[in-house]
Amino acid sequence: MVAPVMVDSPLAFEREFEHILIDLDDTLYRNEEIPQTVRQNIQDYMVAKLGIPQDQVQQLTQELYLAQGTTMAGLIALGYSIDFDDWHAHVHGSLDYQKLLHNQPATRQALQEMCVQQHILTNADAKHTAACLTQMGLTGCFQSIWCFENVMDLARSKGLLTPSTPVMCKPSKQVYELVMEQLGAQPRNTLFIDDSPRNVAAAHELGIFTVLVSPALAAQQQPQHQPVAGADLVVSRFTQLRELLPQLFEQRKQQLEGVPAGVPVSVMAS
């Protein structure tokens, strides 16, 4: 069995949680072909629709992703005009979801047996999110779904979108704060799980208990080794939470009425 990595004191594992924010891509599933295809589609878009020279796109893609959270956010910050729907259609349009993703009964069972409110928090768009969840058999497992469109709507309603911040996405701390405000959640009773170390680190700085999904790091590290900055736990897969954080699965009633839906599944699937 892969050993988890403990970062904070053991007292952190005694925390009681009411909400878990869960990333989608490379967290609830892992298929290397998907990020490779997405990366290539992004670079093709940059060449074909933005006129960026082919020999520059690979380095620029990485630089903007690291600087702004997503390549699209970085391109907009540079002054490029991008239609969000067109971008997402191009980036995810060639993905064969039926071939790339499959039903995940163990993940569905874990989600159904959790006694906390569960929410998707992804930088991806609603159509991609719905397609992934449907193909994995996870539709209907979440109290709310927060993705590109409704996070942007929320940020816009709060007056947070500006010329210097035209896109709101992880790892901006404001994303976590906005979503928690809508859910009535507090950092002390919230858990966040993601495959990106910087997304995890940003949430950790707010006092959120963080779990990094990284098969490579989980295989290399042992509890007595140096911790991963910003992560309270490092796991190889989502379903390890059952053995590592049993309080998520304790049988106790939770009041789910009044939890605002991020994006209803019926809307996402349309």
C-alpha atoms as a PDB file:
ATOM      1  CA  MET A   1       0.000   0.000   0.000  1.00  0.00           C
ATOM      2  CA  VAL A   2       1.264   3.496  -0.853  1.00  0.00           C
ATOM      3  CA  ALA A   3       2.054   5.464   2.293  1.00  0.00           C
ATOM      4  CA  PRO A   4       0.459   8.908   2.680  1.00  0.00           C
ATOM      5  CA  VAL A   5       2.560  11.934   3.408  1.00  0.00           C
ATOM      6  CA  MET A   6       1.712  13.894   6.536  1.00  0.00           C
ATOM      7  CA  VAL A   7       2.561  17.578   6.534  1.00  0.00           C
ATOM      8  CA  ASP A   8       0.896  19.207   9.499  1.00  0.00           C
ATOM      9  CA  SER A   9       0.663  17.809  13.030  1.00  0.00           C
ATOM     10  CA  PRO A  10      -1.500  14.763  13.723  1.00  0.00           C
ATOM     11  CA  LEU A  11      -4.024  17.109  15.321  1.00  0.00           C
ATOM     12  CA  ALA A  12      -4.993  18.185  11.811  1.00  0.00           C
ATOM     13  CA  PHE A  13      -6.479  14.746  11.249  1.00  0.00           C
ATOM     14  CA  GLU A  14      -8.853  15.295  14.154  1.00  0.00           C
ATOM     15  CA  ARG A  15     -10.600  18.116  12.323  1.00  0.00           C
ATOM     16  CA  GLU A  16     -14.235  17.619  11.466  1.00  0.00           C
ATOM     17  CA  PHE A  17     -15.249  18.527   7.967  1.00  0.00           C
ATOM     18  CA  GLU A  18     -18.532  19.737   6.543  1.00  0.00           C
ATOM     19  CA  HIS A  19     -17.502  20.423   2.952  1.00  0.00           C
ATOM     20  CA  ILE A  20     -15.084  18.880   0.476  1.00  0.00           C
ATOM     21  CA  LEU A  21     -14.076  20.755  -2.680  1.00  0.00           C
ATOM     22  CA  ILE A  22     -12.889  18.317  -5.344  1.00  0.00           C
ATOM     23  CA  ASP A  23     -11.001  19.087  -8.528  1.00  0.00           C
ATOM     24  CA  LEU A  24     -12.004  17.155 -11.653  1.00  0.00           C
ATOM     25  CA  ASP A  25      -9.212  16.513 -14.156  1.00  0.00           C
ATOM     26  CA  ASP A  26      -6.345  14.313 -12.916  1.00  0.00           C
ATOM     27  CA  THR A  27      -8.028  14.136  -9.494  1.00  0.00           C
ATOM     28  CA  LEU A  28     -11.204  12.100  -9.939  1.00  0.00           C
ATOM     29  CA  TYR A  29      -9.616  10.298 -12.885  1.00  0.00           C
ATOM     30  CA  ARG A  30      -6.185   9.975 -14.465  1.00  0.00           C
ATOM     31  CA  ASN A  31      -5.600   9.386 -18.161  1.00  0.00           C
ATOM     32  CA  GLU A  32      -2.435  10.879 -19.624  1.00  0.00           C
ATOM     33  CA  GLU A  33      -3.940  11.096 -23.103  1.00  0.00           C
ATOM     34  CA  ILE A  34      -6.428  13.747 -22.000  1.00  0.00           C
ATOM     35  CA  PRO A  35      -3.956  16.438 -20.795  1.00  0.00           C
ATOM     36  CA  GLN A  36      -1.698  15.686 -23.766  1.00  0.00           C
ATOM     37  CA  THR A  37      -4.563  16.214 -26.198  1.00  0.00           C
ATOM     38  CA  VAL A  38      -5.746  19.339 -24.390  1.00  0.00           C
ATOM     39  CA  ARG A  39      -2.229  20.783 -24.440  1.00  0.00           C
ATOM     40  CA  GLN A  40      -1.900  20.157 -28.167  1.00  0.00           C
ATOM     41  CA  ASN A  41      -5.322  21.657 -28.852  1.00  0.00           C
ATOM     42  CA  ILE A  42      -4.370  24.787 -26.901  1.00  0.00           C
ATOM     43  CA  GLN A  43      -1.200  25.195 -28.922  1.00  0.00           C
ATOM     44  CA  ASP A  44      -3.078  24.638 -32.190  1.00  0.00           C
ATOM     45  CA  TYR A  45      -5.574  27.340 -31.176  1.00  0.00           C
ATOM     46  CA  MET A  46      -2.771  29.770 -30.401  1.00  0.00           C
ATOM     47  CA  VAL A  47      -1.273  29.282 -33.850  1.00  0.00           C
ATOM     48  CA  ALA A  48      -4.445  29.070 -35.941  1.00  0.00           C
ATOM     49  CA  LYS A  49      -6.637  31.665 -34.237  1.00  0.00           C
ATOM     50  CA  LEU A  50      -4.237  34.021 -32.479  1.00  0.00           C
ATOM     51  CA  GLY A  51      -1.416  34.022 -35.006  1.00  0.00           C
ATOM     52  CA  ILE A  52       1.291  33.127 -32.501  1.00  0.00           C
ATOM     53  CA  PRO A  53       4.348  31.572 -34.211  1.00  0.00           C
ATOM     54  CA  GLN A  54       4.544  27.807 -33.909  1.00  0.00           C
ATOM     55  CA  ASP A  55       8.047  27.896 -32.461  1.00  0.00           C
ATOM     56  CA  GLN A  56       6.860  30.066 -29.549  1.00  0.00           C
ATOM     57  CA  VAL A  57       3.682  28.367 -28.420  1.00  0.00           C
ATOM     58  CA  GLN A  58       5.121  25.537 -26.349  1.00  0.00           C
ATOM     59  CA  GLN A  59       7.183  27.780 -24.083  1.00  0.00           C
ATOM     60  CA  LEU A  60       4.501  30.470 -23.963  1.00  0.00           C
ATOM     61  CA  THR A  61       1.851  27.935 -22.994  1.00  0.00           C
ATOM     62  CA  GLN A  62       3.863  26.843 -19.977  1.00  0.00           C
ATOM     63  CA  GLU A  63       4.847  30.363 -18.941  1.00  0.00           C
ATOM     64  CA  LEU A  64       1.261  31.667 -19.048  1.00  0.00           C
ATOM     65  CA  TYR A  65      -0.094  28.625 -17.235  1.00  0.00           C
ATOM     66  CA  LEU A  66       2.379  29.142 -14.412  1.00  0.00           C
ATOM     67  CA  ALA A  67       1.818  32.889 -14.264  1.00  0.00           C
ATOM     68  CA  GLN A  68      -1.967  33.095 -14.528  1.00  0.00           C
ATOM     69  CA  GLY A  69      -3.428  29.725 -13.569  1.00  0.00           C
ATOM     70  CA  THR A  70      -4.520  28.784 -17.086  1.00  0.00           C
ATOM     71  CA  THR A  71      -3.043  29.515 -20.501  1.00  0.00           C
ATOM     72  CA  MET A  72      -6.255  31.239 -21.574  1.00  0.00           C
ATOM     73  CA  ALA A  73      -6.141  33.584 -18.590  1.00  0.00           C
ATOM     74  CA  GLY A  74      -2.548  34.419 -19.453  1.00  0.00           C
ATOM     75  CA  LEU A  75      -3.342  35.113 -23.095  1.00  0.00           C
ATOM     76  CA  ILE A  76      -6.188  37.446 -22.137  1.00  0.00           C
ATOM     77  CA  ALA A  77      -3.894  39.219 -19.681  1.00  0.00           C
ATOM     78  CA  LEU A  78      -1.482  39.756 -22.584  1.00  0.00           C
ATOM     79  CA  GLY A  79      -4.254  41.483 -24.514  1.00  0.00           C
ATOM     80  CA  TYR A  80      -5.525  38.720 -26.782  1.00  0.00           C
ATOM     81  CA  SER A  81      -9.274  38.693 -27.403  1.00  0.00           C
ATOM     82  CA  ILE A  82     -10.672  35.205 -26.858  1.00  0.00           C
ATOM     83  CA  ASP A  83     -14.223  33.974 -27.059  1.00  0.00           C
ATOM     84  CA  PHE A  84     -14.550  31.696 -24.040  1.00  0.00           C
ATOM     85  CA  ASP A  85     -17.011  29.291 -25.660  1.00  0.00           C
ATOM     86  CA  ASP A  86     -14.911  29.013 -28.800  1.00  0.00           C
ATOM     87  CA  TRP A  87     -11.786  28.349 -26.746  1.00  0.00           C
ATOM     88  CA  HIS A  88     -13.370  25.599 -24.686  1.00  0.00           C
ATOM     89  CA  ALA A  89     -14.978  24.012 -27.745  1.00  0.00           C
ATOM     90  CA  HIS A  90     -11.592  23.855 -29.470  1.00  0.00           C
ATOM     91  CA  VAL A  91      -9.652  22.697 -26.419  1.00  0.00           C
ATOM     92  CA  HIS A  92     -12.008  19.854 -25.450  1.00  0.00           C
ATOM     93  CA  GLY A  93     -13.874  19.272 -28.700  1.00  0.00           C
ATOM     94  CA  SER A  94     -11.654  16.461 -29.968  1.00  0.00           C
ATOM     95  CA  LEU A  95     -11.767  14.403 -26.768  1.00  0.00           C
ATOM     96  CA  ASP A  96     -13.397  10.993 -27.204  1.00  0.00           C
ATOM     97  CA  TYR A  97     -14.870  10.709 -23.715  1.00  0.00           C
ATOM     98  CA  GLN A  98     -16.333   7.258 -24.297  1.00  0.00           C
ATOM     99  CA  LYS A  99     -12.914   5.931 -25.233  1.00  0.00           C
ATOM    100  CA  LEU A 100     -10.863   7.830 -22.661  1.00  0.00           C
ATOM    101  CA  LEU A 101     -13.016   7.541 -19.525  1.00  0.00           C
ATOM    102  CA  HIS A 102     -14.902   4.663 -17.961  1.00  0.00           C
ATOM    103  CA  ASN A 103     -17.332   3.980 -15.162  1.00  0.00           C
ATOM    104  CA  GLN A 104     -15.794   4.315 -11.692  1.00  0.00           C
ATOM    105  CA  PRO A 105     -17.961   2.411  -9.203  1.00  0.00           C
ATOM    106  CA  ALA A 106     -15.387   2.611  -6.363  1.00  0.00           C
ATOM    107  CA  THR A 107     -15.217   6.402  -6.649  1.00  0.00           C
ATOM    108  CA  ARG A 108     -19.007   6.659  -6.835  1.00  0.00           C
ATOM    109  CA  GLN A 109     -19.388   4.482  -3.746  1.00  0.00           C
ATOM    110  CA  ALA A 110     -16.870   6.581  -1.824  1.00  0.00           C
ATOM    111  CA  LEU A 111     -18.689   9.778  -2.761  1.00  0.00           C
ATOM    112  CA  GLN A 112     -22.066   8.334  -1.813  1.00  0.00           C
ATOM    113  CA  GLU A 113     -20.809   7.162   1.573  1.00  0.00           C
ATOM    114  CA  MET A 114     -19.213  10.465   2.565  1.00  0.00           C
ATOM    115  CA  CYS A 115     -21.051  12.340   5.288  1.00  0.00           C
ATOM    116  CA  VAL A 116     -19.885  15.761   4.109  1.00  0.00           C
ATOM    117  CA  GLN A 117     -21.244  18.042   1.418  1.00  0.00           C
ATOM    118  CA  GLN A 118     -19.342  17.420  -1.816  1.00  0.00           C
ATOM    119  CA  HIS A 119     -18.633  20.012  -4.479  1.00  0.00           C
ATOM    120  CA  ILE A 120     -16.690  20.020  -7.741  1.00  0.00           C
ATOM    121  CA  LEU A 121     -14.308  22.977  -8.117  1.00  0.00           C
ATOM    122  CA  THR A 122     -12.616  23.002 -11.517  1.00  0.00           C
ATOM    123  CA  ASN A 123     -11.177  25.523 -13.958  1.00  0.00           C
ATOM    124  CA  ALA A 124     -12.727  23.512 -16.798  1.00  0.00           C
ATOM    125  CA  ASP A 125     -15.940  24.536 -18.546  1.00  0.00           C
ATOM    126  CA  ALA A 126     -19.367  23.124 -17.761  1.00  0.00           C
ATOM    127  CA  LYS A 127     -19.693  21.004 -20.905  1.00  0.00           C
ATOM    128  CA  HIS A 128     -16.393  19.199 -20.313  1.00  0.00           C
ATOM    129  CA  THR A 129     -17.224  18.728 -16.643  1.00  0.00           C
ATOM    130  CA  ALA A 130     -20.621  17.223 -17.433  1.00  0.00           C
ATOM    131  CA  ALA A 131     -19.164  14.913 -20.082  1.00  0.00           C
ATOM    132  CA  CYS A 132     -16.511  13.593 -17.681  1.00  0.00           C
ATOM    133  CA  LEU A 133     -18.914  13.036 -14.801  1.00  0.00           C
ATOM    134  CA  THR A 134     -21.438  11.313 -17.050  1.00  0.00           C
ATOM    135  CA  GLN A 135     -18.877   8.951 -18.534  1.00  0.00           C
ATOM    136  CA  MET A 136     -17.507   8.076 -15.086  1.00  0.00           C
ATOM    137  CA  GLY A 137     -20.975   7.457 -13.680  1.00  0.00           C
ATOM    138  CA  LEU A 138     -20.591  10.266 -11.137  1.00  0.00           C
ATOM    139  CA  THR A 139     -23.475  12.491 -12.216  1.00  0.00           C
ATOM    140  CA  GLY A 140     -25.634  13.385  -9.230  1.00  0.00           C
ATOM    141  CA  CYS A 141     -22.916  12.750  -6.632  1.00  0.00           C
ATOM    142  CA  PHE A 142     -22.335  16.419  -5.805  1.00  0.00           C
ATOM    143  CA  GLN A 143     -24.298  19.093  -3.987  1.00  0.00           C
ATOM    144  CA  SER A 144     -22.870  21.736  -6.313  1.00  0.00           C
ATOM    145  CA  ILE A 145     -20.528  22.069  -9.268  1.00  0.00           C
ATOM    146  CA  TRP A 146     -18.296  25.093  -9.667  1.00  0.00           C
ATOM    147  CA  CYS A 147     -16.628  25.432 -13.046  1.00  0.00           C
ATOM    148  CA  PHE A 148     -15.362  28.171 -15.346  1.00  0.00           C
ATOM    149  CA  GLU A 149     -18.708  29.729 -16.235  1.00  0.00           C
ATOM    150  CA  ASN A 150     -20.339  30.097 -12.843  1.00  0.00           C
ATOM    151  CA  VAL A 151     -17.108  31.013 -11.048  1.00  0.00           C
ATOM    152  CA  MET A 152     -16.725  33.799 -13.601  1.00  0.00           C
ATOM    153  CA  ASP A 153     -20.372  34.837 -13.113  1.00  0.00           C
ATOM    154  CA  LEU A 154     -19.831  34.923  -9.369  1.00  0.00           C
ATOM    155  CA  ALA A 155     -16.651  36.970  -9.669  1.00  0.00           C
ATOM    156  CA  ARG A 156     -18.381  39.343 -12.069  1.00  0.00           C
ATOM    157  CA  SER A 157     -21.303  39.819  -9.689  1.00  0.00           C
ATOM    158  CA  LYS A 158     -18.840  40.775  -6.952  1.00  0.00           C
ATOM    159  CA  GLY A 159     -17.023  43.265  -9.193  1.00  0.00           C
ATOM    160  CA  LEU A 160     -13.805  41.251  -9.083  1.00  0.00           C
ATOM    161  CA  LEU A 161     -13.177  41.050 -12.839  1.00  0.00           C
ATOM    162  CA  THR A 162     -10.948  43.908 -13.915  1.00  0.00           C
ATOM    163  CA  PRO A 163      -8.572  44.641 -16.819  1.00  0.00           C
ATOM    164  CA  SER A 164      -5.737  43.329 -14.674  1.00  0.00           C
ATOM    165  CA  THR A 165      -7.777  40.285 -13.574  1.00  0.00           C
ATOM    166  CA  PRO A 166      -9.987  39.437 -16.565  1.00  0.00           C
ATOM    167  CA  VAL A 167     -10.323  35.754 -15.631  1.00  0.00           C
ATOM    168  CA  MET A 168     -10.950  34.258 -12.192  1.00  0.00           C
ATOM    169  CA  CYS A 169      -9.605  30.742 -11.731  1.00  0.00           C
ATOM    170  CA  LYS A 170      -7.584  28.579  -9.364  1.00  0.00           C
ATOM    171  CA  PRO A 171      -5.077  29.140  -7.820  1.00  0.00           C
ATOM    172  CA  SER A 172      -6.513  32.575  -6.980  1.00  0.00           C
ATOM    173  CA  LYS A 173      -7.448  32.558  -3.307  1.00  0.00           C
ATOM    174  CA  GLN A 174     -10.515  34.590  -4.202  1.00  0.00           C
ATOM    175  CA  VAL A 175     -11.959  31.558  -6.004  1.00  0.00           C
ATOM    176  CA  TYR A 176     -11.927  29.491  -2.816  1.00  0.00           C
ATOM    177  CA  GLU A 177     -13.262  32.389  -0.778  1.00  0.00           C
ATOM    178  CA  LEU A 178     -16.089  33.082  -3.229  1.00  0.00           C
ATOM    179  CA  VAL A 179     -17.209  29.470  -3.356  1.00  0.00           C
ATOM    180  CA  MET A 180     -16.984  28.985   0.406  1.00  0.00           C
ATOM    181  CA  GLU A 181     -19.024  32.147   0.921  1.00  0.00           C
ATOM    182  CA  GLN A 182     -21.759  30.768  -1.334  1.00  0.00           C
ATOM    183  CA  LEU A 183     -21.725  27.452   0.519  1.00  0.00           C
ATOM    184  CA  GLY A 184     -21.640  28.982   3.983  1.00  0.00           C
ATOM    185  CA  ALA A 185     -18.385  27.106   4.568  1.00  0.00           C
ATOM    186  CA  GLN A 186     -15.407  28.042   6.706  1.00  0.00           C
ATOM    187  CA  PRO A 187     -11.766  27.110   6.005  1.00  0.00           C
ATOM    188  CA  ARG A 188     -11.544  25.163   9.271  1.00  0.00           C
ATOM    189  CA  ASN A 189     -14.294  22.750   8.194  1.00  0.00           C
ATOM    190  CA  THR A 190     -13.402  22.561   4.499  1.00  0.00           C
ATOM    191  CA  LEU A 191     -11.187  20.034   2.714  1.00  0.00           C
ATOM    192  CA  PHE A 192      -9.782  20.642  -0.770  1.00  0.00           C
ATOM    193  CA  ILE A 193      -8.348  17.955  -3.042  1.00  0.00           C
ATOM    194  CA  ASP A 194      -6.471  18.707  -6.265  1.00  0.00           C
ATOM    195  CA  ASP A 195      -3.610  17.417  -8.397  1.00  0.00           C
ATOM    196  CA  SER A 196      -1.915  20.831  -8.701  1.00  0.00           C
ATOM    197  CA  PRO A 197       0.600  21.683  -5.941  1.00  0.00           C
ATOM    198  CA  ARG A 198       0.072  25.410  -6.419  1.00  0.00           C
ATOM    199  CA  ASN A 199      -3.726  25.104  -6.267  1.00  0.00           C
ATOM    200  CA  VAL A 200      -3.343  23.119  -3.056  1.00  0.00           C
ATOM    201  CA  ALA A 201      -0.826  25.597  -1.624  1.00  0.00           C
ATOM    202  CA  ALA A 202      -3.156  28.559  -2.233  1.00  0.00           C
ATOM    203  CA  ALA A 203      -6.031  26.822  -0.437  1.00  0.00           C
ATOM    204  CA  HIS A 204      -3.725  25.794   2.405  1.00  0.00           C
ATOM    205  CA  GLU A 205      -2.753  29.419   3.011  1.00  0.00           C
ATOM    206  CA  LEU A 206      -6.413  30.143   3.756  1.00  0.00           C
ATOM    207  CA  GLY A 207      -6.493  27.478   6.455  1.00  0.00           C
ATOM    208  CA  ILE A 208      -8.215  24.838   4.334  1.00  0.00           C
ATOM    209  CA  PHE A 209      -7.141  21.232   4.909  1.00  0.00           C
ATOM    210  CA  THR A 210      -5.516  20.154   1.643  1.00  0.00           C
ATOM    211  CA  VAL A 211      -4.934  16.857  -0.128  1.00  0.00           C
ATOM    212  CA  LEU A 212      -2.624  16.601  -3.130  1.00  0.00           C
ATOM    213  CA  VAL A 213      -3.278  13.778  -5.593  1.00  0.00           C
ATOM    214  CA  SER A 214       0.094  12.765  -6.982  1.00  0.00           C
ATOM    215  CA  PRO A 215       0.889   9.107  -7.671  1.00  0.00           C
ATOM    216  CA  ALA A 216       4.544   9.965  -8.306  1.00  0.00           C
ATOM    217  CA  LEU A 217       5.043  11.864  -5.050  1.00  0.00           C
ATOM    218  CA  ALA A 218       3.007   9.395  -3.039  1.00  0.00           C
ATOM    219  CA  ALA A 219       5.210   6.566  -4.312  1.00  0.00           C
ATOM    220  CA  GLN A 220       8.432   8.401  -3.479  1.00  0.00           C
ATOM    221  CA  GLN A 221       7.583   9.865  -0.087  1.00  0.00           C
ATOM    222  CA  GLN A 222       7.195   8.298   3.318  1.00  0.00           C
ATOM    223  CA  PRO A 223       5.606   9.908   6.400  1.00  0.00           C
ATOM    224  CA  GLN A 224       8.972  10.619   8.018  1.00  0.00           C
ATOM    225  CA  HIS A 225      10.316  12.450   4.968  1.00  0.00           C
ATOM    226  CA  GLN A 226      10.132  16.175   4.319  1.00  0.00           C
ATOM    227  CA  PRO A 227       6.545  17.282   3.644  1.00  0.00           C
ATOM    228  CA  VAL A 228       5.161  18.645   0.401  1.00  0.00           C
ATOM    229  CA  ALA A 229       4.674  22.363   0.862  1.00  0.00           C
ATOM    230  CA  GLY A 230       1.029  23.318   1.205  1.00  0.00           C
ATOM    231  CA  ALA A 231      -0.338  19.772   1.371  1.00  0.00           C
ATOM    232  CA  ASP A 232      -1.664  18.158   4.525  1.00  0.00           C
ATOM    233  CA  LEU A 233      -1.776  14.821   2.726  1.00  0.00           C
ATOM    234  CA  VAL A 234      -0.388  13.389  -0.484  1.00  0.00           C
ATOM    235  CA  VAL A 235      -2.293  10.455  -1.952  1.00  0.00           C
ATOM    236  CA  SER A 236      -2.056   8.438  -5.125  1.00  0.00           C
ATOM    237  CA  ARG A 237      -5.812   8.316  -5.745  1.00  0.00           C
ATOM    238  CA  PHE A 238      -9.040   9.862  -4.488  1.00  0.00           C
ATOM    239  CA  THR A 239     -10.385   6.666  -2.923  1.00  0.00           C
ATOM    240  CA  GLN A 240      -7.505   6.587  -0.412  1.00  0.00           C
ATOM    241  CA  LEU A 241      -9.389   9.176   1.608  1.00  0.00           C
ATOM    242  CA  ARG A 242     -11.513   6.398   3.072  1.00  0.00           C
ATOM    243  CA  GLU A 243      -8.562   4.914   4.991  1.00  0.00           C
ATOM    244  CA  LEU A 244      -6.706   8.151   5.698  1.00  0.00           C
ATOM    245  CA  LEU A 245      -9.556  10.457   6.765  1.00  0.00           C
ATOM    246  CA  PRO A 246     -12.217   8.152   8.201  1.00  0.00           C
ATOM    247  CA  GLN A 247     -14.116  11.085   9.694  1.00  0.00           C
ATOM    248  CA  LEU A 248     -15.322  11.845   6.152  1.00  0.00           C
ATOM    249  CA  PHE A 249     -17.259   8.592   6.194  1.00  0.00           C
ATOM    250  CA  GLU A 250     -18.619   8.507   9.726  1.00  0.00           C
ATOM    251  CA  GLN A 251     -22.350   7.986   9.783  1.00  0.00           C
ATOM    252  CA  ARG A 252     -23.892  11.223  10.924  1.00  0.00           C
ATOM    253  CA  LYS A 253     -26.721  13.305   9.506  1.00  0.00           C
ATOM    254  CA  GLN A 254     -25.843  16.391   7.524  1.00  0.00           C
ATOM    255  CA  GLN A 255     -28.234  19.211   6.729  1.00  0.00           C
ATOM    256  CA  LEU A 256     -28.092  19.583   2.955  1.00  0.00           C
ATOM    257  CA  GLU A 257     -31.137  21.835   2.489  1.00  0.00           C
ATOM    258  CA  GLY A 258     -30.322  25.303   1.287  1.00  0.00           C
ATOM    259  CA  VAL A 259     -26.959  24.443  -0.280  1.00  0.00           C
ATOM    260  CA  PRO A 260     -26.817  26.506  -3.488  1.00  0.00           C
ATOM    261  CA  ALA A 261     -26.163  24.503  -6.640  1.00  0.00           C
ATOM    262  CA  GLY A 262     -23.181  25.720  -8.607  1.00  0.00           C
ATOM    263  CA  VAL A 263     -24.395  24.333 -11.941  1.00  0.00           C
ATOM    264  CA  PRO A 264     -27.353  21.951 -11.940  1.00  0.00           C
ATOM    265  CA  VAL A 265     -26.563  18.756 -13.824  1.00  0.00           C
ATOM    266  CA  SER A 266     -29.580  19.297 -16.057  1.00  0.00           C
ATOM    267  CA  VAL A 267     -28.097  22.619 -17.189  1.00  0.00           C
ATOM    268  CA  MET A 268     -24.603  21.247 -17.626  1.00  0.00           C
ATOM    269  CA  ALA A 269     -25.765  18.388 -19.787  1.00  0.00           C
ATOM    270  CA  SER A 270     -27.787  20.566 -22.128  1.00  0.00           C
END
